[in-house]
Amino acid sequence: MTGERQVRLRLGTRAVSAPAEFGTEVLEYTGITVQRVEAGELMDQTWVPVGTTPTFADDEALIAEWHQALRWTQARADV
């Protein structure tokens, strides 16, 4: 298992503070984090926002990022 590369998908939310009329407002966004892990260590991650009712564009963005991450798992074998 040494040097094994994995892709992990994690559903979660992110909070962002934005200026509002009376102070700041915290907005929460649902999304999926695509993580690239090698030998148990997190190497990279990308946040892909998705709405509460994901659109076709949300689906396509996630599939594209997931595809790129899966290709990353095979890149080491090509060397």
N, C-alpha and C. Protein backbone atom coordinates (compact mmCIF):
# COMPACT_ATOMS: atom_id res chain seq x y z
N MET A 1 0.81 -1.19 0.00
CA MET A 1 0.00 0.00 0.00
C MET A 1 0.86 1.26 0.00
N THR A 2 2.16 1.12 0.05
CA THR A 2 3.06 2.26 0.05
C THR A 2 2.92 3.03 -1.26
N GLY A 3 2.73 4.33 -1.15
CA GLY A 3 2.62 5.18 -2.32
C GLY A 3 1.28 5.10 -3.03
N GLU A 4 0.33 4.38 -2.46
CA GLU A 4 -0.98 4.26 -3.11
C GLU A 4 -1.66 5.62 -3.18
N ARG A 5 -2.23 5.90 -4.35
CA ARG A 5 -2.97 7.15 -4.54
C ARG A 5 -4.47 6.86 -4.50
N GLN A 6 -5.20 7.73 -3.81
CA GLN A 6 -6.64 7.58 -3.67
C GLN A 6 -7.33 8.91 -3.96
N VAL A 7 -8.58 8.82 -4.37
CA VAL A 7 -9.43 9.99 -4.52
C VAL A 7 -10.59 9.81 -3.55
N ARG A 8 -10.86 10.85 -2.78
CA ARG A 8 -11.95 10.81 -1.81
C ARG A 8 -12.90 11.98 -2.09
N LEU A 9 -14.18 11.71 -2.01
CA LEU A 9 -15.21 12.73 -2.17
C LEU A 9 -15.87 12.94 -0.82
N ARG A 10 -15.99 14.20 -0.39
CA ARG A 10 -16.60 14.49 0.91
C ARG A 10 -17.62 15.62 0.75
N LEU A 11 -18.85 15.34 1.16
CA LEU A 11 -19.91 16.34 1.14
C LEU A 11 -19.81 17.19 2.39
N GLY A 12 -19.94 18.50 2.24
CA GLY A 12 -19.86 19.38 3.39
C GLY A 12 -20.35 20.77 3.08
N THR A 13 -20.17 21.66 4.02
CA THR A 13 -20.54 23.06 3.82
C THR A 13 -19.35 23.94 4.15
N ARG A 14 -19.35 25.10 3.54
CA ARG A 14 -18.34 26.12 3.85
C ARG A 14 -19.08 27.39 4.23
N ALA A 15 -18.52 28.10 5.17
CA ALA A 15 -19.11 29.36 5.61
C ALA A 15 -18.24 30.52 5.14
N VAL A 16 -18.91 31.56 4.64
CA VAL A 16 -18.22 32.74 4.14
C VAL A 16 -18.84 33.97 4.80
N SER A 17 -18.00 34.84 5.34
CA SER A 17 -18.50 36.10 5.91
C SER A 17 -18.53 37.16 4.83
N ALA A 18 -19.65 37.88 4.76
CA ALA A 18 -19.80 38.93 3.76
C ALA A 18 -20.32 40.19 4.45
N PRO A 19 -19.86 41.36 3.98
CA PRO A 19 -20.38 42.59 4.56
C PRO A 19 -21.89 42.70 4.31
N ALA A 20 -22.59 43.17 5.32
CA ALA A 20 -24.03 43.37 5.22
C ALA A 20 -24.36 44.78 5.68
N GLU A 21 -25.60 45.15 5.55
CA GLU A 21 -26.01 46.51 5.92
C GLU A 21 -25.68 46.82 7.38
N PHE A 22 -25.85 45.84 8.26
CA PHE A 22 -25.57 46.04 9.69
C PHE A 22 -24.55 45.02 10.16
N GLY A 23 -23.32 45.17 9.78
CA GLY A 23 -22.26 44.26 10.20
C GLY A 23 -21.89 43.27 9.11
N THR A 24 -21.81 42.01 9.49
CA THR A 24 -21.48 40.97 8.52
C THR A 24 -22.53 39.87 8.56
N GLU A 25 -22.64 39.19 7.46
CA GLU A 25 -23.57 38.07 7.34
C GLU A 25 -22.76 36.83 6.98
N VAL A 26 -23.10 35.71 7.58
CA VAL A 26 -22.42 34.46 7.29
C VAL A 26 -23.30 33.65 6.33
N LEU A 27 -22.74 33.32 5.19
CA LEU A 27 -23.44 32.53 4.19
C LEU A 27 -22.82 31.14 4.15
N GLU A 28 -23.65 30.12 4.09
CA GLU A 28 -23.15 28.75 4.01
C GLU A 28 -23.45 28.17 2.64
N TYR A 29 -22.46 27.47 2.08
CA TYR A 29 -22.58 26.85 0.77
C TYR A 29 -22.32 25.36 0.89
N THR A 30 -23.19 24.57 0.27
CA THR A 30 -22.99 23.13 0.21
C THR A 30 -22.06 22.82 -0.95
N GLY A 31 -21.21 21.83 -0.77
CA GLY A 31 -20.31 21.45 -1.84
C GLY A 31 -19.66 20.11 -1.56
N ILE A 32 -18.86 19.70 -2.51
CA ILE A 32 -18.13 18.45 -2.40
C ILE A 32 -16.64 18.75 -2.52
N THR A 33 -15.87 18.22 -1.59
CA THR A 33 -14.42 18.36 -1.65
C THR A 33 -13.86 17.10 -2.31
N VAL A 34 -13.10 17.30 -3.37
CA VAL A 34 -12.41 16.19 -4.05
C VAL A 34 -10.98 16.19 -3.50
N GLN A 35 -10.63 15.15 -2.76
CA GLN A 35 -9.31 15.08 -2.13
C GLN A 35 -8.43 14.09 -2.87
N ARG A 36 -7.17 14.47 -3.04
CA ARG A 36 -6.15 13.57 -3.61
C ARG A 36 -5.23 13.16 -2.46
N VAL A 37 -5.17 11.86 -2.19
CA VAL A 37 -4.42 11.33 -1.05
C VAL A 37 -3.38 10.35 -1.58
N GLU A 38 -2.15 10.51 -1.10
CA GLU A 38 -1.08 9.59 -1.48
C GLU A 38 -0.43 9.05 -0.22
N ALA A 39 -0.40 7.73 -0.10
CA ALA A 39 0.20 7.04 1.06
C ALA A 39 -0.40 7.58 2.36
N GLY A 40 -1.71 7.84 2.35
CA GLY A 40 -2.39 8.30 3.55
C GLY A 40 -2.28 9.79 3.83
N GLU A 41 -1.52 10.53 3.02
CA GLU A 41 -1.31 11.96 3.24
C GLU A 41 -2.09 12.77 2.21
N LEU A 42 -2.83 13.78 2.68
CA LEU A 42 -3.58 14.66 1.79
C LEU A 42 -2.60 15.48 0.96
N MET A 43 -2.67 15.33 -0.36
CA MET A 43 -1.76 16.03 -1.27
C MET A 43 -2.39 17.29 -1.85
N ASP A 44 -3.71 17.24 -2.10
CA ASP A 44 -4.39 18.35 -2.73
C ASP A 44 -5.89 18.16 -2.52
N GLN A 45 -6.63 19.26 -2.60
CA GLN A 45 -8.08 19.15 -2.55
C GLN A 45 -8.70 20.31 -3.31
N THR A 46 -9.86 20.04 -3.88
CA THR A 46 -10.59 21.04 -4.65
C THR A 46 -12.03 21.07 -4.17
N TRP A 47 -12.54 22.26 -3.95
CA TRP A 47 -13.92 22.44 -3.51
C TRP A 47 -14.79 22.65 -4.75
N VAL A 48 -15.85 21.88 -4.86
CA VAL A 48 -16.80 22.01 -5.96
C VAL A 48 -18.15 22.36 -5.35
N PRO A 49 -18.59 23.63 -5.46
CA PRO A 49 -19.87 24.00 -4.87
C PRO A 49 -21.03 23.35 -5.62
N VAL A 50 -22.04 22.94 -4.88
CA VAL A 50 -23.27 22.42 -5.48
C VAL A 50 -24.45 23.02 -4.72
N GLY A 51 -25.51 23.30 -5.42
CA GLY A 51 -26.69 23.87 -4.79
C GLY A 51 -27.47 22.81 -4.03
N THR A 52 -28.51 23.27 -3.32
CA THR A 52 -29.36 22.32 -2.60
C THR A 52 -30.12 21.42 -3.57
N THR A 53 -30.36 21.93 -4.77
CA THR A 53 -30.90 21.12 -5.86
C THR A 53 -29.90 21.25 -7.00
N PRO A 54 -28.90 20.36 -7.04
CA PRO A 54 -27.83 20.48 -8.02
C PRO A 54 -28.35 20.55 -9.47
N THR A 55 -27.70 21.37 -10.24
CA THR A 55 -28.04 21.55 -11.65
C THR A 55 -27.17 20.65 -12.52
N PHE A 56 -27.47 20.62 -13.78
CA PHE A 56 -26.64 19.89 -14.74
C PHE A 56 -25.21 20.44 -14.72
N ALA A 57 -25.08 21.77 -14.62
CA ALA A 57 -23.75 22.39 -14.56
C ALA A 57 -22.98 21.94 -13.32
N ASP A 58 -23.68 21.83 -12.17
CA ASP A 58 -23.05 21.33 -10.94
C ASP A 58 -22.52 19.92 -11.16
N ASP A 59 -23.38 19.08 -11.77
CA ASP A 59 -23.00 17.69 -12.04
C ASP A 59 -21.77 17.62 -12.95
N GLU A 60 -21.78 18.42 -14.00
CA GLU A 60 -20.67 18.42 -14.95
C GLU A 60 -19.37 18.90 -14.31
N ALA A 61 -19.45 19.91 -13.45
CA ALA A 61 -18.25 20.41 -12.76
C ALA A 61 -17.67 19.33 -11.85
N LEU A 62 -18.53 18.63 -11.13
CA LEU A 62 -18.06 17.57 -10.24
C LEU A 62 -17.46 16.42 -11.03
N ILE A 63 -18.12 16.01 -12.10
CA ILE A 63 -17.60 14.91 -12.92
C ILE A 63 -16.25 15.27 -13.51
N ALA A 64 -16.09 16.50 -13.99
CA ALA A 64 -14.81 16.93 -14.57
C ALA A 64 -13.69 16.89 -13.53
N GLU A 65 -13.97 17.38 -12.33
CA GLU A 65 -12.95 17.39 -11.26
C GLU A 65 -12.63 15.97 -10.81
N TRP A 66 -13.63 15.14 -10.70
CA TRP A 66 -13.45 13.75 -10.30
C TRP A 66 -12.63 13.01 -11.35
N HIS A 67 -12.93 13.24 -12.61
CA HIS A 67 -12.19 12.60 -13.70
C HIS A 67 -10.71 13.00 -13.65
N GLN A 68 -10.45 14.28 -13.46
CA GLN A 68 -9.06 14.76 -13.37
C GLN A 68 -8.34 14.10 -12.19
N ALA A 69 -9.03 13.97 -11.07
CA ALA A 69 -8.43 13.35 -9.88
C ALA A 69 -8.16 11.86 -10.12
N LEU A 70 -9.09 11.18 -10.78
CA LEU A 70 -8.87 9.76 -11.08
C LEU A 70 -7.68 9.57 -12.02
N ARG A 71 -7.53 10.47 -12.98
CA ARG A 71 -6.35 10.40 -13.87
C ARG A 71 -5.07 10.61 -13.06
N TRP A 72 -5.12 11.45 -12.04
CA TRP A 72 -3.96 11.69 -11.18
C TRP A 72 -3.54 10.39 -10.51
N THR A 73 -4.51 9.53 -10.12
CA THR A 73 -4.16 8.28 -9.45
C THR A 73 -3.36 7.37 -10.36
N GLN A 74 -3.55 7.48 -11.67
CA GLN A 74 -2.85 6.64 -12.62
C GLN A 74 -1.55 7.25 -13.13
N ALA A 75 -1.34 8.54 -12.90
CA ALA A 75 -0.16 9.24 -13.42
C ALA A 75 1.14 8.61 -12.95
N ARG A 76 1.19 8.16 -11.72
CA ARG A 76 2.41 7.56 -11.19
C ARG A 76 2.73 6.27 -11.92
N ALA A 77 1.70 5.50 -12.30
CA ALA A 77 1.92 4.21 -12.99
C ALA A 77 2.47 4.43 -14.40
N ASP A 78 2.20 5.59 -14.98
CA ASP A 78 2.66 5.89 -16.34
C ASP A 78 4.14 6.28 -16.39
N VAL A 79 4.73 6.60 -15.23
CA VAL A 79 6.12 7.06 -15.19
C VAL A 79 7.09 5.91 -15.27
